[in-house]
Protein backbone atom coordinates (compact mmCIF):
# COMPACT_ATOMS: atom_id res chain seq x y z
CA MET A 1 57.89 110.15 144.57
CA SER A 2 58.75 108.35 147.53
CA GLN A 3 57.91 108.78 150.78
CA ILE A 4 60.12 108.81 154.17
CA ARG A 5 59.12 108.92 157.61
CA THR A 6 61.12 111.13 159.90
CA THR A 7 60.07 112.22 163.55
CA GLY A 8 56.31 111.68 162.88
CA ARG A 9 56.36 113.62 159.69
CA LEU A 10 56.40 112.66 156.09
CA ARG A 11 59.37 113.91 153.81
CA GLN A 12 58.92 113.46 150.34
CA VAL A 13 61.89 112.90 148.30
CA ALA A 14 62.33 113.05 144.64
CA VAL A 15 63.52 110.03 142.70
CA VAL A 16 65.58 110.82 139.76
CA ASP A 17 64.75 108.41 136.78
CA SER A 18 68.41 107.69 135.60
CA SER A 19 67.27 105.79 132.43
CA ASN A 20 66.73 109.38 130.98
CA HIS A 21 69.86 110.66 131.76
CA PRO A 22 71.68 112.05 128.57
CA GLY A 23 74.74 109.70 129.12
CA ARG A 24 72.41 107.03 129.07
CA ARG A 25 70.21 107.85 126.17
CA GLN A 26 73.52 108.31 124.33
CA ALA A 27 75.00 105.11 125.48
CA ARG A 28 71.75 103.47 124.18
CA ARG A 29 71.81 105.23 120.77
CA GLU A 30 75.50 103.94 120.35
CA ALA A 31 74.74 100.37 121.41
CA THR A 32 71.81 100.55 118.68
CA LYS A 33 74.13 101.80 115.90
CA ARG A 34 76.68 99.10 116.83
CA THR A 35 74.06 96.36 116.69
CA ILE A 36 72.98 97.46 113.15
CA MET A 37 76.47 97.70 112.02
CA ASP A 38 77.33 94.25 113.29
CA ALA A 39 74.12 92.89 111.70
CA VAL A 40 75.42 94.47 108.32
CA GLU A 41 78.74 92.79 108.55
CA ARG A 42 77.56 89.25 109.53
CA LEU A 43 74.92 89.36 106.39
CA LEU A 44 78.05 90.53 104.25
CA GLY A 45 79.60 87.19 105.34
CA ASP A 46 77.21 85.06 102.92
CA ARG A 47 76.02 87.66 100.52
CA PRO A 48 77.50 90.47 98.20
CA TYR A 49 76.79 94.13 99.18
CA ALA A 50 74.52 94.51 96.25
CA ASP A 51 72.02 92.04 97.35
CA LEU A 52 72.06 93.48 100.87
CA ARG A 53 68.64 95.41 101.93
CA VAL A 54 67.61 97.26 104.93
CA GLU A 55 64.98 94.95 105.77
CA ASP A 56 67.33 92.16 106.23
CA VAL A 57 69.46 94.20 108.12
CA MET A 58 66.88 94.98 110.69
CA ALA A 59 65.61 91.68 110.71
CA ALA A 60 69.04 90.31 111.61
CA SER A 61 69.51 92.94 114.56
CA GLY A 62 66.06 92.16 116.01
CA LEU A 63 65.08 95.76 115.50
CA THR A 64 62.41 97.42 113.38
CA ARG A 65 62.87 98.71 109.64
CA THR A 66 61.70 102.26 110.58
CA ALA A 67 64.53 102.36 113.37
CA PHE A 68 67.19 102.11 110.82
CA TYR A 69 66.57 105.55 109.41
CA ARG A 70 67.03 107.26 113.08
CA TYR A 71 70.44 106.37 112.81
CA PHE A 72 71.62 105.76 109.09
CA PRO A 73 70.26 107.54 105.79
CA ASP A 74 71.38 104.47 103.85
CA LEU A 75 73.37 101.25 103.84
CA GLU A 76 76.41 103.29 102.35
CA SER A 77 76.70 105.13 105.52
CA VAL A 78 76.57 102.23 107.60
CA LEU A 79 79.62 101.04 105.62
CA LEU A 80 81.15 104.47 106.19
CA ALA A 81 80.55 103.93 109.75
CA LEU A 82 82.10 100.33 109.71
CA LEU A 83 85.08 101.70 107.63
CA ALA A 84 85.95 104.21 110.51
CA SER A 85 86.00 101.43 112.92
CA VAL A 86 88.16 99.38 110.59
CA ARG A 87 90.45 102.02 110.21
CA THR A 88 91.04 102.58 113.98
CA GLU A 89 91.86 98.94 114.00
CA LEU A 90 94.50 99.29 111.20
CA ALA A 91 96.04 102.27 112.77
CA ASP A 92 96.86 100.52 116.21
CA ALA A 93 98.07 97.31 113.96
CA ALA A 94 100.47 99.41 112.22
CA ASN A 95 101.66 101.51 114.98
CA ARG A 96 103.55 98.44 116.11
CA TRP A 97 106.04 99.35 113.97
CA LEU A 98 105.17 103.24 113.24
CA LEU A 99 105.81 104.26 116.52
CA LEU A 100 109.49 105.51 117.11
CA ASP A 101 110.11 103.63 120.11
CA THR A 102 109.14 100.33 118.80
CA ASP A 103 111.66 97.76 117.54
CA PRO A 104 112.76 98.78 113.64
CA ASP A 105 113.34 95.29 112.79
CA GLY A 106 111.12 92.77 114.80
CA GLY A 107 108.11 95.44 114.76
CA ILE A 108 107.95 94.97 110.90
CA LEU A 109 106.61 91.41 111.56
CA GLU A 110 104.51 92.32 114.57
CA ALA A 111 103.04 94.98 112.68
CA ASN A 112 102.24 93.10 109.30
CA THR A 113 100.76 90.25 111.68
CA ALA A 114 98.39 92.51 113.17
CA LEU A 115 97.53 94.01 110.10
CA ALA A 116 96.80 90.66 108.34
CA ARG A 117 94.71 89.41 111.46
CA VAL A 118 92.52 92.73 110.97
CA TRP A 119 92.00 91.75 107.07
CA SER A 120 91.53 88.18 108.04
CA ARG A 121 88.72 89.18 110.64
CA HIS A 122 86.68 91.65 108.35
CA TRP A 123 87.32 89.97 104.93
CA ALA A 124 83.42 90.31 104.17
CA LEU A 125 83.24 93.62 105.13
CA LEU A 126 86.63 94.82 103.15
CA LEU A 127 85.26 93.02 100.03
CA ALA A 128 82.12 95.10 100.25
CA PHE A 129 84.16 98.34 100.66
CA SER A 130 85.64 97.29 97.32
CA ASP A 131 82.11 96.41 95.70
CA ALA A 132 80.56 99.69 97.01
CA ALA A 133 83.71 102.04 95.92
CA THR A 134 82.14 102.76 92.55
CA SER A 135 83.39 105.72 90.78
CA GLY A 136 83.11 109.03 92.84
CA SER A 137 81.27 107.04 95.62
CA ARG A 138 81.69 108.32 99.37
CA ILE A 139 83.19 104.53 99.84
CA GLN A 140 85.94 105.07 97.21
CA VAL A 141 87.06 108.47 98.54
CA ALA A 142 86.94 107.16 102.07
CA TRP A 143 88.90 104.11 101.53
CA HIS A 144 91.68 106.15 99.19
CA GLU A 145 92.03 108.76 102.05
CA MET A 146 92.31 105.92 104.77
CA VAL A 147 95.11 104.26 102.69
CA GLU A 148 96.94 107.33 101.89
CA SER A 149 96.88 108.41 105.54
CA PHE A 150 99.27 105.90 106.40
CA LEU A 151 101.98 107.54 104.07
CA ASP A 152 103.36 110.49 106.46
CA PRO A 153 103.63 108.13 109.32
CA VAL A 154 105.61 105.67 107.06
CA GLU A 155 107.68 108.49 105.82
CA ARG A 156 108.33 109.64 109.52
CA ARG A 157 109.45 106.17 110.39
CA PHE A 158 111.80 106.27 107.33
CA ALA A 159 113.42 109.33 108.31
CA ASP A 160 113.87 108.18 111.92
CA LEU A 161 115.78 105.01 110.43
CA ALA A 162 118.01 107.12 107.95
CA ARG A 163 118.94 109.27 111.08
CA ARG A 164 119.97 106.21 113.41
CA GLY A 165 121.81 104.88 109.73
CA LEU A 166 119.74 101.58 109.89
CA THR A 167 118.45 102.69 106.40
CA SER A 168 119.17 104.62 102.94
CA LEU A 169 116.45 105.28 100.63
CA GLU A 170 116.88 107.35 97.28
CA TYR A 171 113.14 108.14 97.21
CA PRO A 172 111.62 108.09 100.74
CA ALA A 173 108.22 109.36 99.62
CA GLU A 174 107.93 107.03 96.92
CA THR A 175 108.98 104.03 98.49
CA ALA A 176 106.46 104.58 101.29
CA ARG A 177 103.64 104.71 98.60
CA ALA A 178 104.64 101.71 96.86
CA LEU A 179 104.63 99.85 100.16
CA VAL A 180 101.56 100.90 101.75
CA TRP A 181 99.66 100.41 98.73
CA MET A 182 101.36 96.90 98.12
CA ASN A 183 100.06 95.92 101.70
CA GLU A 184 96.92 97.09 100.81
CA ARG A 185 96.41 95.18 97.36
CA TYR A 186 98.23 92.11 98.75
CA LEU A 187 96.03 91.78 101.82
CA PHE A 188 92.87 92.36 99.65
CA GLU A 189 93.62 89.89 97.26
CA THR A 190 94.73 87.29 99.98
CA PHE A 191 92.00 87.69 102.64
CA ALA A 192 88.93 89.24 100.89
CA ARG A 193 89.48 87.09 97.78
CA ASN A 194 89.63 84.01 100.31
CA ARG A 195 93.03 82.65 99.07
CA ASP A 196 94.24 79.88 101.20
CA VAL A 197 97.08 81.66 102.84
CA SER A 198 97.22 81.74 106.59
CA VAL A 199 97.88 85.17 108.53
CA GLU A 200 101.42 84.19 109.45
CA VAL A 201 102.37 83.33 105.93
CA ALA A 202 100.94 86.65 104.45
CA ALA A 203 102.62 88.57 107.53
CA ALA A 204 105.92 86.94 106.99
CA THR A 205 105.72 87.80 102.80
CA LEU A 206 105.14 91.32 103.42
CA ALA A 207 107.77 91.50 106.50
CA GLN A 208 110.58 89.94 104.16
CA THR A 209 109.65 92.46 101.37
CA TRP A 210 109.87 95.54 103.87
CA ARG A 211 112.86 94.45 105.39
CA ARG A 212 114.55 93.81 102.26
CA VAL A 213 113.52 97.37 100.83
CA LEU A 214 114.71 98.92 104.13
CA PHE A 215 117.75 97.18 105.31
CA SER A 216 119.52 95.94 101.99
CA ALA A 217 122.26 97.76 100.92
CA PRO A 218 121.53 99.86 98.09
CA GLY A 219 122.85 98.48 94.56
């Protein structure tokens, strides 16, 4: 309580403790989760996922080991949360070509450059996804579903280009699948395996392939 003197009388005024406001508590929780997630990604830069331990993560994050379990049941759950974050970045990158109002030609290079940058930035994390994606694991299922989620938008873009007379594909659905999974494998092998290939070269290689498939006369 605080006191304010008015005309010779004391009037008590309640002071609200804003630190306990539900919105602030939620923001603190999200910040702590993000701290743990960032610590996991940093550690994956110098050790494989199989060697990662909760106590190492919490030491790196500056938090207690018991705090980990308030936010995540296990390390796989942290990877799933990180995958959701990376998925958003990949979708934003792909939309530089997938959105129907983008340049159908130049947007191919722009989108593949943005995608390559995401892979280059998160190479250690993407390698961990692969290491954790054992048969039937939640990571394997989530990764496969994430890649497949790009198929419908790519098919819609193909249909838009076909309506405008810019492309002619005999099997658009299978072409979409082939190109999307080609990107996934090529970018993984290039950046998660630390090949000496720049973002620019990787993006140009993919863009050239997409252009030849889409815009070359069928033979």
